[in-house]
Amino acid sequence: MASLRAARTAWYRSRTVCWPSRGSMLRSARCARRMSGSAGPGAGLFNLGATARASLSFVSIVSNSITNHSSAEASGLYAGLNSHVALTATVIAYNSVRNCVAADGGVFQSFDHNVSSDAHCSFLTQPRDATGVDPQLAPLRFGNGTYTHGPMQNSALLDVVDPAACPSQDQRGVSRPQGPKCDVG
């Protein structure tokens, strides 16, 4: 699998923020942007097709929006046409339409420690997954060469994941963990 730096990131019809190549792994990344466009599926991560497999670890899918949408669309995660998206320690929050939509055989799989701010990510059924939880993220901020939504002081994302399971650095290049355990996202 390719890392985020090697994975293809592109705007798909001006509505997609992260568009993974086959077998992509996004790790310690942020997929977010305010989007607008015509109707049709659009998301912070748009995964489509039987060969499309994506793995998200310690990723934040935050504050994406689409306009002219239908109720079957997502502005957070979209898996369609038999694609597969696996998530570990990922936060999906504050997206304008739905955080998650699987359509036409698209599948999501949770490997625990995932948090969704709405109830549309029904696949989050592992013991330490949570839906309908406000992750209490700070406003978007630029620092260390990248944009991030850091967790606020009382966030449910702080000190959750065993240090052996997390990457050694976050997307800013800051060492993990900063506390006794690693943060989600």
N, C-alpha and C. Protein backbone atom coordinates (compact mmCIF):
# COMPACT_ATOMS: atom_id res chain seq x y z
N MET A 1 0.83 -1.18 0.00
CA MET A 1 0.00 0.00 0.00
C MET A 1 0.88 1.25 0.00
N ALA A 2 0.41 2.26 -0.64
CA ALA A 2 1.15 3.51 -0.71
C ALA A 2 0.83 4.38 0.50
N SER A 3 1.77 5.21 0.90
CA SER A 3 1.49 6.16 1.97
C SER A 3 0.79 7.37 1.37
N LEU A 4 0.31 8.27 2.22
CA LEU A 4 -0.37 9.47 1.73
C LEU A 4 0.55 10.27 0.82
N ARG A 5 1.81 10.37 1.17
CA ARG A 5 2.73 11.15 0.34
C ARG A 5 2.86 10.56 -1.05
N ALA A 6 2.77 9.23 -1.15
CA ALA A 6 2.89 8.58 -2.45
C ALA A 6 1.54 8.38 -3.12
N ALA A 7 0.47 8.46 -2.34
CA ALA A 7 -0.87 8.24 -2.90
C ALA A 7 -1.28 9.42 -3.76
N ARG A 8 -2.14 9.15 -4.68
CA ARG A 8 -2.66 10.20 -5.54
C ARG A 8 -3.69 11.00 -4.76
N THR A 9 -3.51 12.28 -4.66
CA THR A 9 -4.54 13.14 -4.09
C THR A 9 -4.97 14.10 -5.17
N ALA A 10 -6.24 14.22 -5.36
CA ALA A 10 -6.74 15.02 -6.48
C ALA A 10 -8.13 15.54 -6.15
N TRP A 11 -8.56 16.52 -6.88
CA TRP A 11 -9.94 16.99 -6.81
C TRP A 11 -10.72 16.20 -7.84
N TYR A 12 -11.74 15.50 -7.43
CA TYR A 12 -12.56 14.74 -8.34
C TYR A 12 -13.80 15.54 -8.65
N ARG A 13 -13.90 16.01 -9.86
CA ARG A 13 -15.00 16.89 -10.27
C ARG A 13 -15.17 18.04 -9.28
N SER A 14 -14.08 18.57 -8.76
CA SER A 14 -14.05 19.71 -7.84
C SER A 14 -14.80 19.45 -6.55
N ARG A 15 -15.01 18.18 -6.19
CA ARG A 15 -15.76 17.91 -4.97
C ARG A 15 -15.06 16.93 -4.04
N THR A 16 -13.93 16.41 -4.39
CA THR A 16 -13.30 15.41 -3.55
C THR A 16 -11.97 15.93 -3.04
N VAL A 17 -11.71 15.67 -1.79
CA VAL A 17 -10.47 16.14 -1.20
C VAL A 17 -9.39 15.09 -1.27
N CYS A 18 -9.66 13.89 -0.83
CA CYS A 18 -8.70 12.79 -0.93
C CYS A 18 -9.30 11.73 -1.84
N TRP A 19 -8.60 11.39 -2.89
CA TRP A 19 -9.05 10.39 -3.84
C TRP A 19 -7.96 9.34 -3.89
N PRO A 20 -8.12 8.24 -3.15
CA PRO A 20 -7.03 7.28 -3.05
C PRO A 20 -6.81 6.49 -4.32
N SER A 21 -5.55 6.17 -4.59
CA SER A 21 -5.25 5.26 -5.68
C SER A 21 -5.48 3.84 -5.16
N ARG A 22 -5.39 2.86 -6.04
CA ARG A 22 -5.60 1.47 -5.60
C ARG A 22 -4.69 1.13 -4.44
N GLY A 23 -5.27 0.56 -3.41
CA GLY A 23 -4.47 0.11 -2.28
C GLY A 23 -3.84 1.23 -1.48
N SER A 24 -4.44 2.40 -1.45
CA SER A 24 -3.85 3.53 -0.73
C SER A 24 -4.06 3.40 0.77
N MET A 25 -3.09 3.90 1.50
CA MET A 25 -3.22 3.99 2.94
C MET A 25 -2.99 5.43 3.34
N LEU A 26 -3.99 6.05 3.94
CA LEU A 26 -3.85 7.39 4.45
C LEU A 26 -3.55 7.27 5.92
N ARG A 27 -2.47 7.87 6.37
CA ARG A 27 -2.08 7.75 7.76
C ARG A 27 -1.68 9.12 8.27
N SER A 28 -2.22 9.49 9.43
CA SER A 28 -1.95 10.79 10.05
C SER A 28 -2.18 11.92 9.06
N ALA A 29 -3.36 11.95 8.49
CA ALA A 29 -3.68 12.94 7.47
C ALA A 29 -4.97 13.67 7.81
N ARG A 30 -5.22 14.76 7.10
CA ARG A 30 -6.45 15.51 7.23
C ARG A 30 -7.06 15.64 5.85
N CYS A 31 -8.29 15.18 5.68
CA CYS A 31 -9.00 15.30 4.41
C CYS A 31 -10.19 16.22 4.66
N ALA A 32 -10.02 17.47 4.33
CA ALA A 32 -11.11 18.40 4.59
C ALA A 32 -11.00 19.62 3.70
N ARG A 33 -12.14 20.15 3.35
CA ARG A 33 -12.22 21.38 2.60
C ARG A 33 -13.68 21.70 2.41
N ARG A 34 -13.98 22.94 2.32
CA ARG A 34 -15.34 23.33 1.98
C ARG A 34 -15.50 23.10 0.48
N MET A 35 -16.49 22.30 0.12
CA MET A 35 -16.70 21.98 -1.29
C MET A 35 -18.06 22.44 -1.73
N SER A 36 -18.17 22.73 -3.00
CA SER A 36 -19.48 23.00 -3.56
C SER A 36 -19.47 22.51 -4.99
N GLY A 37 -20.63 22.24 -5.50
CA GLY A 37 -20.68 21.76 -6.87
C GLY A 37 -22.07 21.25 -7.18
N SER A 38 -22.19 20.64 -8.35
CA SER A 38 -23.49 20.11 -8.75
C SER A 38 -23.78 18.82 -8.01
N ALA A 39 -25.00 18.34 -8.18
CA ALA A 39 -25.41 17.13 -7.49
C ALA A 39 -24.55 15.95 -7.91
N GLY A 40 -24.46 14.97 -7.06
CA GLY A 40 -23.67 13.76 -7.31
C GLY A 40 -22.85 13.47 -6.08
N PRO A 41 -22.35 12.24 -5.98
CA PRO A 41 -21.59 11.89 -4.78
C PRO A 41 -20.36 12.78 -4.63
N GLY A 42 -20.12 13.22 -3.46
CA GLY A 42 -18.94 14.01 -3.17
C GLY A 42 -18.60 13.82 -1.72
N ALA A 43 -17.33 13.81 -1.40
CA ALA A 43 -16.98 13.53 -0.02
C ALA A 43 -15.55 13.95 0.27
N GLY A 44 -15.23 14.03 1.57
CA GLY A 44 -13.84 14.24 1.97
C GLY A 44 -12.97 13.11 1.46
N LEU A 45 -13.53 11.88 1.47
CA LEU A 45 -12.89 10.74 0.83
C LEU A 45 -13.93 10.07 -0.04
N PHE A 46 -13.65 9.95 -1.32
CA PHE A 46 -14.56 9.36 -2.30
C PHE A 46 -13.89 8.11 -2.83
N ASN A 47 -14.45 6.95 -2.57
CA ASN A 47 -13.86 5.67 -2.97
C ASN A 47 -14.86 4.95 -3.85
N LEU A 48 -14.46 4.56 -5.05
CA LEU A 48 -15.42 4.04 -6.02
C LEU A 48 -14.78 2.94 -6.86
N GLY A 49 -15.44 1.80 -6.98
CA GLY A 49 -15.02 0.73 -7.87
C GLY A 49 -14.50 -0.49 -7.13
N ALA A 50 -14.67 -1.65 -7.75
CA ALA A 50 -14.33 -2.92 -7.11
C ALA A 50 -12.86 -3.04 -6.74
N THR A 51 -11.98 -2.36 -7.44
CA THR A 51 -10.55 -2.44 -7.10
C THR A 51 -10.14 -1.33 -6.15
N ALA A 52 -11.07 -0.47 -5.79
CA ALA A 52 -10.74 0.66 -4.91
C ALA A 52 -10.78 0.22 -3.45
N ARG A 53 -9.60 0.14 -2.84
CA ARG A 53 -9.47 -0.23 -1.44
C ARG A 53 -8.66 0.86 -0.76
N ALA A 54 -9.19 1.39 0.32
CA ALA A 54 -8.49 2.44 1.06
C ALA A 54 -8.42 2.05 2.52
N SER A 55 -7.31 2.39 3.16
CA SER A 55 -7.14 2.16 4.58
C SER A 55 -6.79 3.48 5.24
N LEU A 56 -7.59 3.89 6.20
CA LEU A 56 -7.38 5.15 6.90
C LEU A 56 -6.99 4.87 8.34
N SER A 57 -5.84 5.36 8.75
CA SER A 57 -5.37 5.21 10.13
C SER A 57 -4.97 6.57 10.66
N PHE A 58 -5.56 6.96 11.80
CA PHE A 58 -5.25 8.24 12.44
C PHE A 58 -5.48 9.40 11.46
N VAL A 59 -6.66 9.39 10.83
CA VAL A 59 -7.03 10.39 9.82
C VAL A 59 -8.21 11.19 10.35
N SER A 60 -8.30 12.47 9.96
CA SER A 60 -9.43 13.33 10.29
C SER A 60 -10.16 13.71 9.01
N ILE A 61 -11.43 13.35 8.91
CA ILE A 61 -12.30 13.75 7.79
C ILE A 61 -13.26 14.77 8.40
N VAL A 62 -12.98 16.06 8.21
CA VAL A 62 -13.63 17.11 9.00
C VAL A 62 -14.10 18.27 8.13
N SER A 63 -15.30 18.76 8.41
CA SER A 63 -15.85 20.01 7.88
C SER A 63 -15.92 20.08 6.37
N ASN A 64 -16.32 19.01 5.73
CA ASN A 64 -16.55 19.02 4.29
C ASN A 64 -18.01 19.35 4.04
N SER A 65 -18.29 20.05 2.96
CA SER A 65 -19.67 20.35 2.63
C SER A 65 -19.88 20.27 1.13
N ILE A 66 -21.07 19.86 0.73
CA ILE A 66 -21.45 19.86 -0.67
C ILE A 66 -22.80 20.55 -0.78
N THR A 67 -23.06 21.09 -1.95
CA THR A 67 -24.35 21.74 -2.19
C THR A 67 -25.12 20.93 -3.23
N ASN A 68 -26.38 21.21 -3.37
CA ASN A 68 -27.23 20.52 -4.35
C ASN A 68 -27.16 19.01 -4.17
N HIS A 69 -27.27 18.56 -2.95
CA HIS A 69 -27.09 17.14 -2.65
C HIS A 69 -28.42 16.41 -2.50
N SER A 70 -28.35 15.09 -2.59
CA SER A 70 -29.50 14.25 -2.27
C SER A 70 -29.23 13.57 -0.94
N SER A 71 -30.23 12.93 -0.38
CA SER A 71 -30.07 12.29 0.92
C SER A 71 -29.15 11.07 0.87
N ALA A 72 -28.79 10.59 -0.33
CA ALA A 72 -27.92 9.42 -0.45
C ALA A 72 -26.45 9.80 -0.55
N GLU A 73 -26.14 11.07 -0.43
CA GLU A 73 -24.76 11.51 -0.58
C GLU A 73 -24.12 11.81 0.76
N ALA A 74 -22.81 11.77 0.77
CA ALA A 74 -22.05 12.06 1.98
C ALA A 74 -21.07 13.16 1.70
N SER A 75 -20.81 13.98 2.69
CA SER A 75 -19.75 14.96 2.55
C SER A 75 -18.53 14.55 3.36
N GLY A 76 -18.62 13.43 4.07
CA GLY A 76 -17.49 12.89 4.84
C GLY A 76 -16.80 11.76 4.10
N LEU A 77 -17.34 10.54 4.21
CA LEU A 77 -16.80 9.34 3.54
C LEU A 77 -17.85 8.76 2.61
N TYR A 78 -17.44 8.40 1.41
CA TYR A 78 -18.33 7.77 0.44
C TYR A 78 -17.64 6.52 -0.10
N ALA A 79 -18.30 5.37 0.00
CA ALA A 79 -17.81 4.12 -0.59
C ALA A 79 -18.89 3.61 -1.53
N GLY A 80 -18.56 3.46 -2.80
CA GLY A 80 -19.54 3.02 -3.77
C GLY A 80 -18.99 1.99 -4.74
N LEU A 81 -19.88 1.34 -5.46
CA LEU A 81 -19.55 0.35 -6.48
C LEU A 81 -18.55 -0.69 -6.00
N ASN A 82 -18.90 -1.36 -4.90
CA ASN A 82 -18.11 -2.48 -4.37
C ASN A 82 -16.73 -2.09 -3.85
N SER A 83 -16.52 -0.83 -3.55
CA SER A 83 -15.24 -0.41 -2.99
C SER A 83 -15.19 -0.75 -1.50
N HIS A 84 -14.00 -0.66 -0.92
CA HIS A 84 -13.79 -1.03 0.49
C HIS A 84 -12.96 0.06 1.17
N VAL A 85 -13.43 0.52 2.33
CA VAL A 85 -12.70 1.50 3.13
C VAL A 85 -12.56 0.94 4.55
N ALA A 86 -11.33 0.79 5.01
CA ALA A 86 -11.04 0.33 6.37
C ALA A 86 -10.57 1.52 7.20
N LEU A 87 -11.04 1.61 8.44
CA LEU A 87 -10.69 2.74 9.30
C LEU A 87 -10.16 2.27 10.66
N THR A 88 -9.13 2.96 11.13
CA THR A 88 -8.59 2.76 12.48
C THR A 88 -8.27 4.13 13.06
N ALA A 89 -8.76 4.41 14.25
CA ALA A 89 -8.45 5.65 14.98
C ALA A 89 -8.66 6.89 14.10
N THR A 90 -9.81 6.93 13.43
CA THR A 90 -10.14 8.01 12.51
C THR A 90 -11.34 8.79 13.05
N VAL A 91 -11.33 10.11 12.87
CA VAL A 91 -12.45 10.95 13.27
C VAL A 91 -13.14 11.48 12.01
N ILE A 92 -14.48 11.34 11.98
CA ILE A 92 -15.30 11.84 10.88
C ILE A 92 -16.29 12.81 11.54
N ALA A 93 -16.12 14.11 11.27
CA ALA A 93 -16.89 15.08 12.05
C ALA A 93 -17.23 16.34 11.28
N TYR A 94 -18.36 16.92 11.68
CA TYR A 94 -18.81 18.24 11.24
C TYR A 94 -18.97 18.35 9.72
N ASN A 95 -19.21 17.25 9.04
CA ASN A 95 -19.46 17.29 7.61
C ASN A 95 -20.92 17.66 7.39
N SER A 96 -21.20 18.44 6.36
CA SER A 96 -22.51 19.09 6.24
C SER A 96 -23.68 18.17 5.95
N VAL A 97 -23.49 17.09 5.24
CA VAL A 97 -24.62 16.26 4.85
C VAL A 97 -24.69 15.02 5.73
N ARG A 98 -23.87 14.05 5.47
CA ARG A 98 -23.75 12.83 6.27
C ARG A 98 -22.27 12.53 6.40
N ASN A 99 -21.89 11.97 7.51
CA ASN A 99 -20.48 11.61 7.66
C ASN A 99 -20.11 10.41 6.81
N CYS A 100 -21.02 9.45 6.63
CA CYS A 100 -20.70 8.21 5.91
C CYS A 100 -21.87 7.76 5.05
N VAL A 101 -21.56 7.33 3.82
CA VAL A 101 -22.54 6.68 2.96
C VAL A 101 -21.84 5.55 2.21
N ALA A 102 -22.42 4.35 2.29
CA ALA A 102 -21.99 3.21 1.48
C ALA A 102 -23.12 2.93 0.50
N ALA A 103 -22.80 2.91 -0.79
CA ALA A 103 -23.82 2.71 -1.82
C ALA A 103 -23.36 1.68 -2.84
N ASP A 104 -24.28 1.00 -3.44
CA ASP A 104 -24.00 0.05 -4.53
C ASP A 104 -22.89 -0.93 -4.18
N GLY A 105 -22.99 -1.55 -3.01
CA GLY A 105 -22.02 -2.57 -2.61
C GLY A 105 -20.77 -2.04 -1.95
N GLY A 106 -20.67 -0.72 -1.73
CA GLY A 106 -19.52 -0.16 -1.02
C GLY A 106 -19.53 -0.61 0.42
N VAL A 107 -18.36 -0.86 0.98
CA VAL A 107 -18.25 -1.40 2.33
C VAL A 107 -17.28 -0.59 3.17
N PHE A 108 -17.67 -0.31 4.40
CA PHE A 108 -16.78 0.26 5.41
C PHE A 108 -16.46 -0.83 6.42
N GLN A 109 -15.25 -0.81 6.95
CA GLN A 109 -14.86 -1.76 7.99
C GLN A 109 -14.10 -1.02 9.07
N SER A 110 -14.53 -1.19 10.31
CA SER A 110 -13.87 -0.53 11.43
C SER A 110 -12.90 -1.48 12.13
N PHE A 111 -11.73 -0.93 12.44
CA PHE A 111 -10.75 -1.65 13.23
C PHE A 111 -10.54 -0.96 14.58
N ASP A 112 -11.58 -0.27 15.04
CA ASP A 112 -11.67 0.29 16.39
C ASP A 112 -11.09 1.71 16.52
N HIS A 113 -11.51 2.36 17.58
CA HIS A 113 -11.09 3.72 17.98
C HIS A 113 -11.52 4.80 17.00
N ASN A 114 -12.63 4.61 16.28
CA ASN A 114 -13.13 5.60 15.34
C ASN A 114 -14.26 6.39 15.98
N VAL A 115 -14.38 7.68 15.61
CA VAL A 115 -15.39 8.55 16.19
C VAL A 115 -16.10 9.31 15.07
N SER A 116 -17.44 9.29 15.11
CA SER A 116 -18.26 10.05 14.16
C SER A 116 -19.15 11.01 14.93
N SER A 117 -19.25 12.23 14.44
CA SER A 117 -20.09 13.23 15.12
C SER A 117 -21.57 13.06 14.82
N ASP A 118 -21.93 12.22 13.83
CA ASP A 118 -23.34 11.96 13.58
C ASP A 118 -23.61 10.46 13.66
N ALA A 119 -24.85 10.07 13.42
CA ALA A 119 -25.23 8.65 13.55
C ALA A 119 -25.23 7.90 12.22
N HIS A 120 -24.66 8.48 11.16
CA HIS A 120 -24.71 7.85 9.84
C HIS A 120 -23.57 6.88 9.56
N CYS A 121 -22.68 6.67 10.50
CA CYS A 121 -21.59 5.70 10.31
C CYS A 121 -21.92 4.45 11.11
N SER A 122 -22.98 3.76 10.70
CA SER A 122 -23.51 2.63 11.47
C SER A 122 -22.55 1.44 11.53
N PHE A 123 -21.52 1.41 10.73
CA PHE A 123 -20.53 0.33 10.75
C PHE A 123 -19.58 0.46 11.94
N LEU A 124 -19.62 1.57 12.65
CA LEU A 124 -18.73 1.76 13.80
C LEU A 124 -19.28 1.00 15.00
N THR A 125 -18.96 -0.28 15.05
CA THR A 125 -19.52 -1.16 16.08
C THR A 125 -18.46 -1.83 16.95
N GLN A 126 -17.22 -1.47 16.77
CA GLN A 126 -16.16 -2.04 17.60
C GLN A 126 -16.26 -1.46 19.02
N PRO A 127 -15.66 -2.13 20.02
CA PRO A 127 -15.83 -1.70 21.42
C PRO A 127 -15.47 -0.24 21.72
N ARG A 128 -14.48 0.30 21.04
CA ARG A 128 -14.06 1.68 21.34
C ARG A 128 -14.41 2.66 20.22
N ASP A 129 -15.34 2.27 19.34
CA ASP A 129 -15.89 3.19 18.34
C ASP A 129 -16.99 4.01 19.00
N ALA A 130 -17.28 5.19 18.44
CA ALA A 130 -18.36 6.02 18.98
C ALA A 130 -19.04 6.78 17.84
N THR A 131 -20.37 6.83 17.88
CA THR A 131 -21.13 7.63 16.91
C THR A 131 -21.98 8.63 17.68
N GLY A 132 -22.30 9.73 17.02
CA GLY A 132 -23.11 10.76 17.65
C GLY A 132 -22.38 11.48 18.77
N VAL A 133 -21.06 11.53 18.68
CA VAL A 133 -20.24 12.15 19.71
C VAL A 133 -19.54 13.39 19.14
N ASP A 134 -19.66 14.51 19.81
CA ASP A 134 -18.93 15.71 19.41
C ASP A 134 -17.47 15.52 19.81
N PRO A 135 -16.56 15.47 18.83
CA PRO A 135 -15.16 15.25 19.16
C PRO A 135 -14.45 16.47 19.75
N GLN A 136 -15.14 17.59 19.80
CA GLN A 136 -14.58 18.83 20.35
C GLN A 136 -13.24 19.18 19.69
N LEU A 137 -13.32 19.47 18.40
CA LEU A 137 -12.13 19.87 17.65
C LEU A 137 -11.99 21.38 17.62
N ALA A 138 -10.77 21.85 17.69
CA ALA A 138 -10.48 23.27 17.60
C ALA A 138 -10.68 23.74 16.16
N PRO A 139 -10.85 25.03 15.95
CA PRO A 139 -10.96 25.55 14.59
C PRO A 139 -9.69 25.23 13.78
N LEU A 140 -9.84 25.22 12.47
CA LEU A 140 -8.74 24.95 11.58
C LEU A 140 -7.59 25.92 11.83
N ARG A 141 -6.39 25.36 11.91
CA ARG A 141 -5.21 26.17 12.22
C ARG A 141 -4.03 25.70 11.39
N PHE A 142 -3.19 26.63 10.96
CA PHE A 142 -1.99 26.29 10.21
C PHE A 142 -0.80 26.28 11.17
N GLY A 143 -0.04 25.21 11.13
CA GLY A 143 1.15 25.11 11.97
C GLY A 143 2.03 23.96 11.52
N ASN A 144 3.32 24.12 11.62
CA ASN A 144 4.29 23.10 11.21
C ASN A 144 4.09 22.66 9.76
N GLY A 145 3.72 23.61 8.89
CA GLY A 145 3.61 23.34 7.47
C GLY A 145 2.33 22.69 6.99
N THR A 146 1.31 22.58 7.85
CA THR A 146 0.06 21.94 7.45
C THR A 146 -1.12 22.49 8.24
N TYR A 147 -2.32 22.24 7.76
CA TYR A 147 -3.54 22.65 8.45
C TYR A 147 -4.06 21.49 9.31
N THR A 148 -4.51 21.80 10.51
CA THR A 148 -5.07 20.78 11.39
C THR A 148 -6.24 21.31 12.21
N HIS A 149 -7.10 20.40 12.62
CA HIS A 149 -8.14 20.64 13.62
C HIS A 149 -7.71 19.84 14.84
N GLY A 150 -7.02 20.44 15.76
CA GLY A 150 -6.56 19.72 16.94
C GLY A 150 -7.68 19.48 17.93
N PRO A 151 -7.59 18.41 18.72
CA PRO A 151 -8.62 18.17 19.74
C PRO A 151 -8.47 19.18 20.88
N MET A 152 -9.61 19.66 21.38
CA MET A 152 -9.58 20.58 22.51
C MET A 152 -9.32 19.80 23.81
N GLN A 153 -9.12 20.52 24.88
CA GLN A 153 -8.66 19.94 26.14
C GLN A 153 -9.52 18.78 26.66
N ASN A 154 -10.83 18.84 26.55
CA ASN A 154 -11.70 17.79 27.08
C ASN A 154 -12.23 16.84 26.00
N SER A 155 -11.57 16.80 24.86
CA SER A 155 -12.02 15.98 23.74
C SER A 155 -11.94 14.49 24.06
N ALA A 156 -12.92 13.74 23.54
CA ALA A 156 -12.94 12.28 23.66
C ALA A 156 -11.86 11.63 22.80
N LEU A 157 -11.17 12.42 21.98
CA LEU A 157 -10.13 11.89 21.10
C LEU A 157 -8.77 11.77 21.78
N LEU A 158 -8.61 12.40 22.92
CA LEU A 158 -7.30 12.47 23.58
C LEU A 158 -6.96 11.19 24.36
N ASP A 159 -5.71 10.77 24.23
CA ASP A 159 -5.17 9.66 25.03
C ASP A 159 -6.04 8.41 25.00
N VAL A 160 -6.31 7.89 23.79
CA VAL A 160 -7.22 6.77 23.62
C VAL A 160 -6.53 5.49 23.13
N VAL A 161 -5.58 5.62 22.21
CA VAL A 161 -5.03 4.46 21.51
C VAL A 161 -3.68 4.06 22.10
N ASP A 162 -3.49 2.75 22.27
CA ASP A 162 -2.22 2.20 22.77
C ASP A 162 -1.07 2.72 21.90
N PRO A 163 -0.01 3.25 22.51
CA PRO A 163 1.12 3.79 21.75
C PRO A 163 1.73 2.81 20.75
N ALA A 164 1.66 1.51 21.02
CA ALA A 164 2.22 0.52 20.10
C ALA A 164 1.47 0.47 18.77
N ALA A 165 0.24 0.98 18.75
CA ALA A 165 -0.59 0.93 17.55
C ALA A 165 -0.55 2.20 16.72
N CYS A 166 0.11 3.24 17.19
CA CYS A 166 0.04 4.51 16.47
C CYS A 166 1.35 4.83 15.74
N PRO A 167 1.26 5.71 14.74
CA PRO A 167 2.48 6.12 14.03
C PRO A 167 3.38 6.92 14.97
N SER A 168 4.65 6.96 14.66
CA SER A 168 5.61 7.67 15.52
C SER A 168 5.45 9.18 15.45
N GLN A 169 4.83 9.69 14.35
CA GLN A 169 4.63 11.14 14.18
C GLN A 169 3.25 11.40 13.61
N ASP A 170 2.72 12.61 13.88
CA ASP A 170 1.47 13.00 13.25
C ASP A 170 1.78 13.71 11.94
N GLN A 171 0.76 14.24 11.25
CA GLN A 171 0.98 14.85 9.94
C GLN A 171 1.86 16.09 9.99
N ARG A 172 2.00 16.69 11.17
CA ARG A 172 2.86 17.88 11.33
C ARG A 172 4.30 17.50 11.58
N GLY A 173 4.56 16.20 11.80
CA GLY A 173 5.90 15.75 12.14
C GLY A 173 6.17 15.76 13.63
N VAL A 174 5.12 15.97 14.45
CA VAL A 174 5.25 15.99 15.90
C VAL A 174 5.19 14.54 16.41
N SER A 175 6.06 14.21 17.35
CA SER A 175 6.14 12.86 17.90
C SER A 175 4.84 12.46 18.57
N ARG A 176 4.49 11.18 18.43
CA ARG A 176 3.35 10.58 19.13
C ARG A 176 3.87 9.51 20.05
N PRO A 177 3.23 9.28 21.19
CA PRO A 177 2.15 10.06 21.78
C PRO A 177 2.66 11.28 22.51
N GLN A 178 1.79 12.26 22.75
CA GLN A 178 2.11 13.44 23.54
C GLN A 178 1.67 13.25 24.99
N GLY A 179 0.80 12.28 25.24
CA GLY A 179 0.34 11.93 26.59
C GLY A 179 0.61 10.45 26.82
N PRO A 180 -0.12 9.84 27.75
CA PRO A 180 0.12 8.42 28.02
C PRO A 180 -0.29 7.50 26.86
N LYS A 181 -1.25 7.96 26.03
CA LYS A 181 -1.69 7.19 24.85
C LYS A 181 -1.78 8.13 23.66
N CYS A 182 -2.03 7.57 22.48
CA CYS A 182 -2.15 8.39 21.27
C CYS A 182 -3.56 8.93 21.10
N ASP A 183 -3.66 10.05 20.43
CA ASP A 183 -4.94 10.67 20.13
C ASP A 183 -5.53 10.07 18.84
N VAL A 184 -6.85 10.05 18.75
CA VAL A 184 -7.55 9.64 17.55
C VAL A 184 -7.44 10.76 16.52
N GLY A 185 -7.31 10.40 15.25
CA GLY A 185 -7.27 11.39 14.17
C GLY A 185 -5.88 11.83 13.83
